[in-house]
Amino acid sequence: MSDHVASVTELYRPLDEAEVGAKHWLTVFTAGMGFFTDAYDLFIIGTVTVLLTPIFHLSTNQVSLLNSASLLASMAGALTFGKLMDHLGRKRMYGVEVAILVAGAILTAFAWNFTSLFVFRLVVGYGVGGDYATSAVITAEYANKRSRGRLIGSVFAMQGLGLLAGPAIASIFLGAGVPDGIAWRLMLGLGAIPAASVIYLRRRIRETPRYTLSVKGDVAAAATTVAWVTGTRPAVQGNGSSPAGTPTRPLGNGSGRALRARLTSKPFLLRLVGTGGSWFLMDIAFYGNSVSSPLILKLLQPKGTLLDHTLISLAIFAVAAFPGYWVAVLLMDRIGRKRIQWQGFAVMTAAFTLIWLLPDGATAVGLFLPLFAISYFFIEFGPNQTTFVYPSEIFPTSVRGTADGISAAAGKLGAFLGALFVPHLLSAVGISGVMGVMAGVSAVGIVLTLVALPEPKGQTLEVASAEVGPDAPAVTARSDAPVLLASATPALLAAAAGSGGTGSATLRPRPREPWPR
């Protein structure tokens, strides 16, 4: 009897070592359009509520609720879709969330009062939250080792295009003299177009090889998908040569109690605090300032028109925010996620502190705008990018969707609080006081990043997520025994050993870091 040596490392090797190709960029485009819409909506709602205030006779509380409604709903969307991705698969959920987003965007354009607009904004937010939970995970599970940060970051960098498109389209309508009663409907309805363009592509995407193997145990199907992405079919021996769709060992992802135990055990609980906590803090600053930028600029320039303030926002996004996204993409796999995140929080802290403490920091346009722009650059070349990338890399496949959803939900909670309370803070303590709060929030982000998060740069997804060690040995099995490529982890290997297969198996898990039960 001959022994066959097979390991998760060998099956994924073509994927991990592949050059970035057309399939990778198709995945990035398909995922990125949702974030274009998210960012477009992020800016446009601030302008829309300014236009709607005299039309719907909105109070300050109603403006705050409209600005933050979709953010609150996105928490539910992220939690729901993240969990469903782990239980039902990536493919089955992908496209559903963006269809919800599109439906919500269209409905908002036909709202007839505050209540209807608020409800439809909740629909938009639910879809946006689902998109956060799905897109990063799918991109990560298709990515190669060397460029994974760049690929996931490119998905999120589409948000930068949305930030430009929002004020640009608003400026066109305002400058052209389109009546306010029509302009706000067009602004909201146009957000459906980019997301609608990728619904079909998302529904057609293949199940990721990592979910196929690690959760479903379908070696042949995983190998087929690897070959589809890379053009190189990995060597699969023993029963792994069975036809695609025939699982060699359906592993599942355990009961809800088992999943909770996994996420709340070392090192994953600390990682979850790090990803969720830093995303929460970052979104307080980012969404609080972005959604309320028309109000901030109105306080800074009381005599300026809405068009003036919209053009200033466009200039800030074009000069500072948009380049920041792409600098982060270029350097993500060179200097690492951790450094980009803590140094971004550090510069944000410094910029907000200067606006807060300098005598004219919050009143002199020539001083405020450069500091505000610097903060925007380092939000994008900083935690806004990395908080999206991190959760998709540092948790095991079987709980990756759930962990990403929890992290995104924590971020959206911070976004909701920022968008809800910044208008009230502006009324109470002015621009200076708001920037002081943002400085404190950013300073906490530095500490949390340094204490709670690892550096996954240059590691395979299995090593970064602590599923296997960097030198994980192969799994050795008799030719007549089931081939288990999905695990160099003790729990799965133990399950295989007790499976009652037709042949014996010699299973040698790496002893350094036991799998949490």
Protein backbone atom coordinates (compact mmCIF):
# COMPACT_ATOMS: atom_id res chain seq x y z
CA MET A 1 0.00 0.00 0.00
CA SER A 2 1.34 3.39 -0.96
CA ASP A 3 0.90 6.47 1.17
CA HIS A 4 -0.29 9.75 -0.24
CA VAL A 5 0.76 13.07 1.18
CA ALA A 6 -1.71 15.88 0.82
CA SER A 7 -2.00 19.16 2.67
CA VAL A 8 -4.00 22.30 2.55
CA THR A 9 -0.76 24.12 1.76
CA GLU A 10 -0.21 22.08 -1.40
CA LEU A 11 -3.76 22.45 -2.66
CA TYR A 12 -3.73 26.21 -2.16
CA ARG A 13 -0.16 26.69 -3.37
CA PRO A 14 -1.15 27.63 -6.97
CA LEU A 15 -3.66 30.13 -5.55
CA ASP A 16 -1.23 31.58 -3.00
CA GLU A 17 1.62 31.90 -5.49
CA ALA A 18 -0.37 33.01 -8.53
CA GLU A 19 0.18 36.31 -10.25
CA VAL A 20 -2.74 38.71 -10.04
CA GLY A 21 -4.88 37.96 -13.08
CA ALA A 22 -8.18 38.66 -14.78
CA LYS A 23 -10.22 36.53 -12.35
CA HIS A 24 -8.82 38.48 -9.40
CA TRP A 25 -9.71 41.83 -10.96
CA LEU A 26 -13.16 40.57 -11.92
CA THR A 27 -13.71 39.70 -8.27
CA VAL A 28 -12.46 43.16 -7.22
CA PHE A 29 -14.78 44.93 -9.67
CA THR A 30 -17.76 42.78 -8.71
CA ALA A 31 -17.18 43.45 -5.02
CA GLY A 32 -16.16 47.09 -5.38
CA MET A 33 -19.34 48.45 -6.96
CA GLY A 34 -21.20 47.97 -3.69
CA PHE A 35 -18.68 50.19 -1.93
CA PHE A 36 -18.93 52.82 -4.64
CA THR A 37 -22.64 53.02 -3.86
CA ASP A 38 -22.01 53.01 -0.10
CA ALA A 39 -19.65 55.99 -0.34
CA TYR A 40 -21.87 57.84 -2.80
CA ASP A 41 -24.76 57.41 -0.40
CA LEU A 42 -22.58 58.45 2.55
CA PHE A 43 -22.00 61.89 1.07
CA ILE A 44 -25.23 62.45 -0.80
CA ILE A 45 -27.53 61.99 2.19
CA GLY A 46 -25.97 65.01 3.91
CA THR A 47 -26.75 67.18 0.90
CA VAL A 48 -30.22 65.66 0.48
CA THR A 49 -31.21 66.43 4.07
CA VAL A 50 -30.17 70.07 3.57
CA LEU A 51 -32.45 70.25 0.52
CA LEU A 52 -35.27 68.39 2.26
CA THR A 53 -35.30 70.44 5.48
CA PRO A 54 -37.64 73.15 4.09
CA ILE A 55 -39.58 70.67 1.90
CA PHE A 56 -40.38 68.10 4.61
CA HIS A 57 -40.01 70.66 7.44
CA LEU A 58 -37.38 68.52 9.13
CA SER A 59 -36.27 69.11 12.71
CA THR A 60 -32.66 68.65 13.83
CA ASN A 61 -33.59 65.27 15.30
CA GLN A 62 -35.15 64.16 12.02
CA VAL A 63 -32.09 65.27 10.05
CA SER A 64 -29.89 63.28 12.42
CA LEU A 65 -32.10 60.19 12.04
CA LEU A 66 -32.09 60.37 8.24
CA ASN A 67 -28.32 60.82 8.19
CA SER A 68 -27.81 57.83 10.46
CA ALA A 69 -30.73 55.48 9.67
CA SER A 70 -28.92 53.42 7.04
CA LEU A 71 -25.92 53.09 9.34
CA LEU A 72 -28.03 51.57 12.10
CA ALA A 73 -29.65 49.13 9.70
CA SER A 74 -26.26 48.16 8.29
CA MET A 75 -25.38 46.67 11.68
CA ALA A 76 -28.20 44.17 11.28
CA GLY A 77 -27.22 43.49 7.68
CA ALA A 78 -23.59 42.81 8.55
CA LEU A 79 -24.46 40.45 11.41
CA THR A 80 -27.08 38.55 9.40
CA PHE A 81 -25.11 38.10 6.19
CA GLY A 82 -21.89 37.33 8.02
CA LYS A 83 -23.48 34.46 9.89
CA LEU A 84 -25.37 33.16 6.86
CA MET A 85 -22.17 33.12 4.82
CA ASP A 86 -20.63 30.68 7.27
CA HIS A 87 -23.70 28.45 7.41
CA LEU A 88 -24.94 28.53 3.80
CA GLY A 89 -21.82 29.45 1.87
CA ARG A 90 -20.38 32.56 0.26
CA LYS A 91 -21.95 31.99 -3.15
CA ARG A 92 -25.52 31.51 -1.93
CA MET A 93 -25.54 34.89 -0.19
CA TYR A 94 -23.51 36.95 -2.66
CA GLY A 95 -25.69 39.26 -4.72
CA VAL A 96 -28.68 39.11 -2.39
CA GLU A 97 -27.31 41.97 -0.28
CA VAL A 98 -26.65 44.26 -3.24
CA ALA A 99 -30.12 43.55 -4.64
CA ILE A 100 -31.57 44.77 -1.33
CA LEU A 101 -29.36 47.87 -1.55
CA VAL A 102 -30.59 48.62 -5.09
CA ALA A 103 -34.24 48.19 -4.10
CA GLY A 104 -33.79 50.53 -1.16
CA ALA A 105 -32.05 53.20 -3.25
CA ILE A 106 -34.86 53.18 -5.81
CA LEU A 107 -37.51 53.37 -3.10
CA THR A 108 -35.85 56.37 -1.42
CA ALA A 109 -36.24 58.34 -4.65
CA PHE A 110 -40.01 57.93 -4.35
CA ALA A 111 -40.35 58.76 -0.64
CA TRP A 112 -43.23 61.13 0.15
CA ASN A 113 -42.49 62.19 3.72
CA PHE A 114 -40.02 61.79 6.57
CA THR A 115 -41.38 58.44 7.71
CA SER A 116 -41.28 56.78 4.29
CA LEU A 117 -37.77 58.07 3.60
CA PHE A 118 -36.58 56.84 7.00
CA VAL A 119 -37.96 53.34 6.37
CA PHE A 120 -36.44 53.13 2.88
CA ARG A 121 -33.09 54.31 4.24
CA LEU A 122 -33.20 51.34 6.61
CA VAL A 123 -33.54 49.04 3.59
CA VAL A 124 -30.51 50.68 1.95
CA GLY A 125 -28.50 50.27 5.12
CA TYR A 126 -29.39 46.61 5.51
CA GLY A 127 -28.00 45.92 2.06
CA VAL A 128 -24.87 47.98 2.70
CA GLY A 129 -24.18 46.06 5.90
CA GLY A 130 -24.51 42.76 4.07
CA ASP A 131 -22.06 43.98 1.46
CA TYR A 132 -19.45 44.75 4.11
CA ALA A 133 -19.70 41.23 5.47
CA THR A 134 -19.53 39.43 2.13
CA SER A 135 -17.21 41.29 -0.22
CA ALA A 136 -14.02 41.34 1.87
CA VAL A 137 -14.30 37.65 2.78
CA ILE A 138 -14.86 36.51 -0.81
CA THR A 139 -11.98 38.63 -2.12
CA ALA A 140 -9.64 37.36 0.63
CA GLU A 141 -10.49 33.72 -0.07
CA TYR A 142 -9.70 34.13 -3.76
CA ALA A 143 -6.57 36.25 -3.31
CA ASN A 144 -2.94 35.23 -3.60
CA LYS A 145 -0.57 35.55 -0.65
CA ARG A 146 1.64 38.31 -1.97
CA SER A 147 -1.12 40.69 -3.11
CA ARG A 148 -4.01 39.87 -0.78
CA GLY A 149 -3.92 43.24 0.97
CA ARG A 150 -3.79 45.08 -2.35
CA LEU A 151 -6.76 43.15 -3.74
CA ILE A 152 -8.99 43.55 -0.68
CA GLY A 153 -7.90 47.18 -0.38
CA SER A 154 -8.78 47.80 -4.05
CA VAL A 155 -12.34 46.66 -3.33
CA PHE A 156 -12.64 49.18 -0.55
CA ALA A 157 -10.87 51.91 -2.54
CA MET A 158 -13.92 52.00 -4.81
CA GLN A 159 -15.38 53.92 -1.90
CA GLY A 160 -13.04 56.74 -2.92
CA LEU A 161 -14.68 56.96 -6.34
CA GLY A 162 -18.06 57.08 -4.65
CA LEU A 163 -16.90 59.93 -2.41
CA LEU A 164 -15.96 61.88 -5.54
CA ALA A 165 -19.12 60.98 -7.42
CA GLY A 166 -21.43 62.16 -4.61
CA PRO A 167 -20.38 65.82 -4.44
CA ALA A 168 -19.70 65.91 -8.20
CA ILE A 169 -23.26 64.84 -9.06
CA ALA A 170 -24.72 67.09 -6.36
CA SER A 171 -22.73 70.03 -7.75
CA ILE A 172 -24.03 69.34 -11.27
CA PHE A 173 -27.65 69.37 -10.13
CA LEU A 174 -27.23 72.41 -7.90
CA GLY A 175 -25.22 74.33 -10.50
CA ALA A 176 -27.69 73.53 -13.26
CA GLY A 177 -30.55 74.94 -11.24
CA VAL A 178 -32.51 71.68 -11.01
CA PRO A 179 -35.42 72.33 -8.62
CA ASP A 180 -34.72 71.06 -5.12
CA GLY A 181 -37.86 68.91 -5.16
CA ILE A 182 -36.50 66.96 -8.14
CA ALA A 183 -32.77 67.13 -7.39
CA TRP A 184 -32.91 65.21 -4.13
CA ARG A 185 -34.86 62.36 -5.73
CA LEU A 186 -32.39 62.07 -8.60
CA MET A 187 -29.43 62.15 -6.20
CA LEU A 188 -30.80 59.24 -4.18
CA GLY A 189 -32.09 57.20 -7.11
CA LEU A 190 -28.81 57.33 -9.05
CA GLY A 191 -27.15 55.38 -6.25
CA ALA A 192 -28.92 52.25 -7.48
CA ILE A 193 -27.14 52.15 -10.86
CA PRO A 194 -23.57 51.06 -9.96
CA ALA A 195 -24.78 48.41 -7.52
CA ALA A 196 -27.36 47.07 -9.98
CA SER A 197 -24.62 46.59 -12.59
CA VAL A 198 -23.01 43.74 -10.64
CA ILE A 199 -26.00 41.76 -9.32
CA TYR A 200 -25.69 39.24 -12.16
CA LEU A 201 -21.91 38.90 -11.74
CA ARG A 202 -22.28 38.28 -8.02
CA ARG A 203 -24.90 35.59 -8.49
CA ARG A 204 -22.65 33.84 -11.03
CA ILE A 205 -19.48 33.81 -8.93
CA ARG A 206 -18.13 30.40 -7.86
CA GLU A 207 -18.01 29.25 -4.28
CA THR A 208 -14.60 30.12 -2.86
CA PRO A 209 -12.14 27.21 -2.74
CA ARG A 210 -11.43 27.76 0.93
CA TYR A 211 -15.06 27.47 1.99
CA THR A 212 -15.56 24.54 -0.38
CA LEU A 213 -12.68 22.67 1.20
CA SER A 214 -12.62 23.74 4.84
CA VAL A 215 -16.35 23.64 5.51
CA LYS A 216 -17.87 21.41 2.83
CA GLY A 217 -14.86 19.10 2.52
CA ASP A 218 -15.16 18.94 -1.27
CA VAL A 219 -11.54 18.52 -2.42
CA ALA A 220 -12.22 18.12 -6.11
CA ALA A 221 -14.51 21.14 -6.34
CA ALA A 222 -11.95 23.25 -4.47
CA ALA A 223 -9.21 22.10 -6.85
CA THR A 224 -11.41 22.95 -9.84
CA THR A 225 -11.97 26.49 -8.56
CA VAL A 226 -8.26 26.96 -7.89
CA ALA A 227 -7.62 25.91 -11.49
CA TRP A 228 -10.30 28.33 -12.74
CA VAL A 229 -8.58 31.25 -10.99
CA THR A 230 -4.95 30.37 -11.68
CA GLY A 231 -4.96 28.15 -14.74
CA THR A 232 -3.02 25.55 -12.74
CA ARG A 233 -4.79 22.53 -11.29
CA PRO A 234 -3.31 21.41 -7.97
CA ALA A 235 -2.35 17.78 -7.54
CA VAL A 236 -5.12 15.92 -5.69
CA GLN A 237 -4.47 12.34 -4.69
CA GLY A 238 -6.52 9.48 -3.30
CA ASN A 239 -10.24 10.07 -3.09
CA GLY A 240 -9.62 13.72 -3.79
CA SER A 241 -9.81 12.82 -7.45
CA SER A 242 -13.52 12.18 -7.13
CA PRO A 243 -15.78 14.25 -9.36
CA ALA A 244 -16.42 17.84 -8.40
CA GLY A 245 -19.29 18.09 -6.01
CA THR A 246 -18.46 14.83 -4.24
CA PRO A 247 -17.31 15.71 -0.75
CA THR A 248 -14.47 13.66 0.67
CA ARG A 249 -15.35 14.72 4.20
CA PRO A 250 -18.16 17.20 4.86
CA LEU A 251 -16.76 19.12 7.78
CA GLY A 252 -19.46 21.68 8.41
CA ASN A 253 -18.79 24.57 10.72
CA GLY A 254 -20.23 23.23 13.93
CA SER A 255 -23.12 24.27 16.11
CA GLY A 256 -23.78 27.83 17.16
CA ARG A 257 -22.27 27.04 20.55
CA ALA A 258 -19.11 25.66 18.91
CA LEU A 259 -18.76 28.77 16.74
CA ARG A 260 -19.17 31.07 19.74
CA ALA A 261 -16.59 29.05 21.64
CA ARG A 262 -14.16 29.36 18.77
CA LEU A 263 -14.58 33.12 18.45
CA THR A 264 -14.34 33.72 22.19
CA SER A 265 -11.19 31.66 22.72
CA LYS A 266 -7.59 32.73 22.52
CA PRO A 267 -6.35 34.29 20.27
CA PHE A 268 -9.56 35.08 18.44
CA LEU A 269 -11.38 36.99 21.17
CA LEU A 270 -8.54 39.52 21.41
CA ARG A 271 -8.46 39.77 17.64
CA LEU A 272 -12.21 40.36 17.54
CA VAL A 273 -11.90 43.14 20.12
CA GLY A 274 -9.15 44.63 17.98
CA THR A 275 -10.99 44.48 14.65
CA GLY A 276 -14.39 45.50 15.98
CA GLY A 277 -13.07 48.10 18.42
CA SER A 278 -10.77 49.88 15.97
CA TRP A 279 -13.48 49.87 13.28
CA PHE A 280 -15.95 51.33 15.81
CA LEU A 281 -13.56 54.15 16.72
CA MET A 282 -12.56 54.93 13.15
CA ASP A 283 -16.15 55.14 11.93
CA ILE A 284 -17.11 57.58 14.68
CA ALA A 285 -14.57 60.01 13.22
CA PHE A 286 -15.02 59.19 9.55
CA TYR A 287 -18.80 59.08 9.31
CA GLY A 288 -19.36 61.79 11.89
CA ASN A 289 -17.27 64.24 9.89
CA SER A 290 -18.31 63.04 6.42
CA VAL A 291 -22.07 62.94 6.86
CA SER A 292 -22.01 66.26 8.71
CA SER A 293 -19.54 67.98 6.38
CA PRO A 294 -22.22 70.34 4.98
CA LEU A 295 -23.04 71.43 8.55
CA ILE A 296 -19.35 71.79 9.47
CA LEU A 297 -18.64 73.90 6.39
CA LYS A 298 -21.75 75.99 7.01
CA LEU A 299 -20.46 76.88 10.47
CA LEU A 300 -17.04 77.61 9.00
CA GLN A 301 -18.48 79.74 6.16
CA PRO A 302 -21.91 81.01 7.24
CA LYS A 303 -22.32 83.08 4.07
CA GLY A 304 -21.38 80.27 1.70
CA THR A 305 -24.05 78.57 -0.41
CA LEU A 306 -24.76 74.86 -0.44
CA LEU A 307 -23.04 74.69 -3.83
CA ASP A 308 -19.96 76.40 -2.38
CA HIS A 309 -19.80 73.89 0.48
CA THR A 310 -20.37 70.96 -1.88
CA LEU A 311 -17.49 72.07 -4.10
CA ILE A 312 -15.21 72.44 -1.06
CA SER A 313 -16.12 68.89 -0.01
CA LEU A 314 -15.38 67.68 -3.53
CA ALA A 315 -11.96 69.37 -3.41
CA ILE A 316 -11.13 67.78 -0.03
CA PHE A 317 -12.16 64.34 -1.25
CA ALA A 318 -10.26 64.72 -4.55
CA VAL A 319 -7.04 66.12 -3.09
CA ALA A 320 -6.86 64.20 0.21
CA ALA A 321 -9.28 61.30 0.58
CA PHE A 322 -9.10 59.72 -2.88
CA PRO A 323 -5.27 59.55 -3.05
CA GLY A 324 -5.21 58.18 0.50
CA TYR A 325 -7.20 55.11 -0.52
CA TRP A 326 -4.78 54.21 -3.29
CA VAL A 327 -1.60 54.94 -1.36
CA ALA A 328 -2.90 52.44 1.19
CA VAL A 329 -3.54 49.92 -1.59
CA LEU A 330 0.00 50.34 -2.96
CA LEU A 331 1.68 49.98 0.45
CA MET A 332 -0.61 47.45 2.16
CA ASP A 333 1.58 44.47 1.29
CA ARG A 334 4.83 46.37 1.70
CA ILE A 335 4.70 48.05 5.09
CA GLY A 336 1.81 46.03 6.51
CA ARG A 337 -1.69 46.56 7.85
CA LYS A 338 -0.69 47.23 11.44
CA ARG A 339 1.67 50.11 10.71
CA ILE A 340 -0.74 51.75 8.29
CA GLN A 341 -3.50 51.56 10.89
CA TRP A 342 -1.68 52.87 13.96
CA GLN A 343 0.11 55.65 12.09
CA GLY A 344 -3.18 56.70 10.49
CA PHE A 345 -4.81 56.96 13.91
CA ALA A 346 -1.75 58.90 15.14
CA VAL A 347 -1.91 61.55 12.40
CA MET A 348 -5.68 61.83 12.81
CA THR A 349 -5.12 62.46 16.52
CA ALA A 350 -2.56 65.18 15.76
CA ALA A 351 -4.69 66.91 13.11
CA PHE A 352 -7.86 66.92 15.19
CA THR A 353 -5.94 68.11 18.24
CA LEU A 354 -4.48 71.06 16.33
CA ILE A 355 -7.91 72.13 15.06
CA TRP A 356 -9.20 71.82 18.62
CA LEU A 357 -6.42 73.65 20.45
CA LEU A 358 -5.07 76.25 18.03
CA PRO A 359 -6.74 79.66 18.58
CA ASP A 360 -7.98 79.92 15.00
CA GLY A 361 -7.98 76.22 14.19
CA ALA A 362 -11.75 75.95 13.97
CA THR A 363 -12.50 79.39 12.54
CA ALA A 364 -9.80 80.29 9.99
CA VAL A 365 -10.54 78.64 6.66
CA GLY A 366 -6.88 78.70 5.64
CA LEU A 367 -5.92 76.75 8.76
CA PHE A 368 -8.92 74.46 9.18
CA LEU A 369 -9.14 73.11 5.64
CA PRO A 370 -5.49 71.91 5.34
CA LEU A 371 -5.67 70.18 8.74
CA PHE A 372 -9.05 68.67 7.91
CA ALA A 373 -7.68 67.45 4.57
CA ILE A 374 -4.65 65.88 6.26
CA SER A 375 -6.95 64.01 8.63
CA TYR A 376 -8.92 62.72 5.64
CA PHE A 377 -5.79 61.53 3.84
CA PHE A 378 -4.63 59.54 6.87
CA ILE A 379 -8.10 58.15 7.55
CA GLU A 380 -7.96 56.58 4.09
CA PHE A 381 -4.23 55.84 4.17
CA GLY A 382 -4.93 54.40 7.58
CA PRO A 383 -7.73 52.75 9.53
CA ASN A 384 -10.55 53.22 7.02
CA GLN A 385 -8.74 50.80 4.71
CA THR A 386 -7.20 48.45 7.22
CA THR A 387 -10.28 47.94 9.39
CA PHE A 388 -11.96 46.56 6.27
CA VAL A 389 -9.03 44.30 5.37
CA TYR A 390 -8.14 42.89 8.79
CA PRO A 391 -11.29 40.86 9.69
CA SER A 392 -11.22 38.95 6.40
CA GLU A 393 -7.69 37.69 7.10
CA ILE A 394 -7.19 36.81 10.76
CA PHE A 395 -10.10 34.46 11.55
CA PRO A 396 -10.57 30.80 10.50
CA THR A 397 -12.62 29.99 7.40
CA SER A 398 -15.50 28.42 9.34
CA VAL A 399 -16.11 31.63 11.34
CA ARG A 400 -14.62 34.22 8.99
CA GLY A 401 -17.98 35.54 7.81
CA THR A 402 -19.34 35.78 11.35
CA ALA A 403 -16.23 37.56 12.64
CA ASP A 404 -16.21 39.95 9.70
CA GLY A 405 -19.90 40.66 10.21
CA ILE A 406 -19.40 41.38 13.92
CA SER A 407 -16.47 43.68 13.16
CA ALA A 408 -18.40 45.54 10.45
CA ALA A 409 -21.42 45.85 12.73
CA ALA A 410 -19.24 47.38 15.43
CA GLY A 411 -17.95 49.84 12.85
CA LYS A 412 -21.45 50.74 11.76
CA LEU A 413 -22.45 51.29 15.38
CA GLY A 414 -19.66 53.84 15.60
CA ALA A 415 -20.78 55.35 12.29
CA PHE A 416 -24.36 55.59 13.55
CA LEU A 417 -23.30 57.30 16.76
CA GLY A 418 -21.04 59.70 14.88
CA ALA A 419 -23.67 60.65 12.32
CA LEU A 420 -26.38 60.92 15.00
CA PHE A 421 -24.54 62.99 17.57
CA VAL A 422 -22.14 65.19 15.56
CA PRO A 423 -24.96 67.57 14.47
CA HIS A 424 -25.95 67.97 18.13
CA LEU A 425 -22.32 68.39 19.21
CA LEU A 426 -21.81 71.05 16.56
CA SER A 427 -24.75 72.96 18.01
CA ALA A 428 -23.49 72.51 21.58
CA VAL A 429 -19.69 72.86 21.41
CA GLY A 430 -18.96 73.94 17.84
CA ILE A 431 -16.33 72.66 15.42
CA SER A 432 -13.53 72.94 17.97
CA GLY A 433 -15.29 70.75 20.52
CA VAL A 434 -16.19 68.12 17.92
CA MET A 435 -12.55 67.90 16.81
CA GLY A 436 -11.47 67.47 20.42
CA VAL A 437 -13.80 64.46 20.74
CA MET A 438 -12.44 63.02 17.48
CA ALA A 439 -8.87 63.43 18.73
CA GLY A 440 -9.66 61.38 21.83
CA VAL A 441 -11.39 58.68 19.80
CA SER A 442 -8.41 58.40 17.45
CA ALA A 443 -5.91 58.19 20.30
CA VAL A 444 -7.71 55.14 21.72
CA GLY A 445 -7.49 53.58 18.25
CA ILE A 446 -3.67 53.74 18.36
CA VAL A 447 -3.54 51.76 21.59
CA LEU A 448 -6.08 49.16 20.48
CA THR A 449 -4.23 48.52 17.22
CA LEU A 450 -0.87 48.03 18.91
CA VAL A 451 -2.23 45.74 21.63
CA ALA A 452 -4.84 43.57 19.91
CA LEU A 453 -3.94 43.01 16.26
CA PRO A 454 -1.31 40.80 14.57
CA GLU A 455 0.44 41.51 11.27
CA PRO A 456 -0.78 39.18 8.48
CA LYS A 457 1.38 40.69 5.72
CA GLY A 458 3.03 38.07 3.54
CA GLN A 459 1.34 35.10 5.22
CA THR A 460 -1.02 32.62 3.64
CA LEU A 461 -4.61 33.04 4.69
CA GLU A 462 -4.41 29.79 6.66
CA VAL A 463 -1.38 31.00 8.65
CA ALA A 464 -2.78 34.52 9.15
CA SER A 465 -6.03 33.03 10.50
CA ALA A 466 -4.18 30.56 12.78
CA GLU A 467 -5.72 27.59 10.98
CA VAL A 468 -2.28 26.16 10.29
CA GLY A 469 1.27 27.02 11.31
CA PRO A 470 3.84 28.34 8.85
CA ASP A 471 5.57 24.93 8.82
CA ALA A 472 2.48 22.75 9.06
CA PRO A 473 3.23 19.13 8.14
CA ALA A 474 1.24 17.29 5.57
CA VAL A 475 -1.58 14.93 6.40
CA THR A 476 -0.56 11.37 5.58
CA ALA A 477 -3.20 8.79 4.72
CA ARG A 478 -3.51 5.35 3.23
CA SER A 479 -4.63 5.33 -0.40
CA ASP A 480 -7.93 3.69 0.56
CA ALA A 481 -8.67 6.23 3.30
CA PRO A 482 -10.52 9.54 2.80
CA VAL A 483 -8.22 12.39 1.84
CA LEU A 484 -8.55 15.28 4.27
CA LEU A 485 -6.92 18.37 2.83
CA ALA A 486 -9.07 20.73 4.80
CA SER A 487 -7.21 20.54 8.01
CA ALA A 488 -3.92 20.69 9.71
CA THR A 489 -5.87 21.56 12.81
CA PRO A 490 -6.29 19.20 15.73
CA ALA A 491 -10.06 19.22 16.00
CA LEU A 492 -10.59 18.32 12.37
CA LEU A 493 -7.80 15.79 12.35
CA ALA A 494 -9.22 14.14 15.43
CA ALA A 495 -12.60 13.93 13.72
CA ALA A 496 -10.96 12.27 10.74
CA ALA A 497 -9.14 9.78 12.92
CA GLY A 498 -12.39 8.67 14.50
CA SER A 499 -14.37 8.53 11.28
CA GLY A 500 -14.26 4.77 10.86
CA GLY A 501 -12.81 4.97 7.34
CA THR A 502 -11.71 1.95 5.44
CA GLY A 503 -8.04 2.55 6.07
CA SER A 504 -5.89 3.86 8.85
CA ALA A 505 -4.51 7.37 8.90
CA THR A 506 -1.45 8.89 10.43
CA LEU A 507 -2.37 12.43 11.42
CA ARG A 508 0.28 14.80 12.67
CA PRO A 509 -1.19 18.15 13.62
CA ARG A 510 1.13 20.97 14.48
CA PRO A 511 1.22 21.01 18.30
CA ARG A 512 2.18 24.64 18.85
CA GLU A 513 -1.26 26.25 18.83
CA PRO A 514 -4.19 23.96 19.70
CA TRP A 515 -7.49 24.57 17.97
CA PRO A 516 -10.04 26.09 20.36
CA ARG A 517 -13.06 23.96 21.04
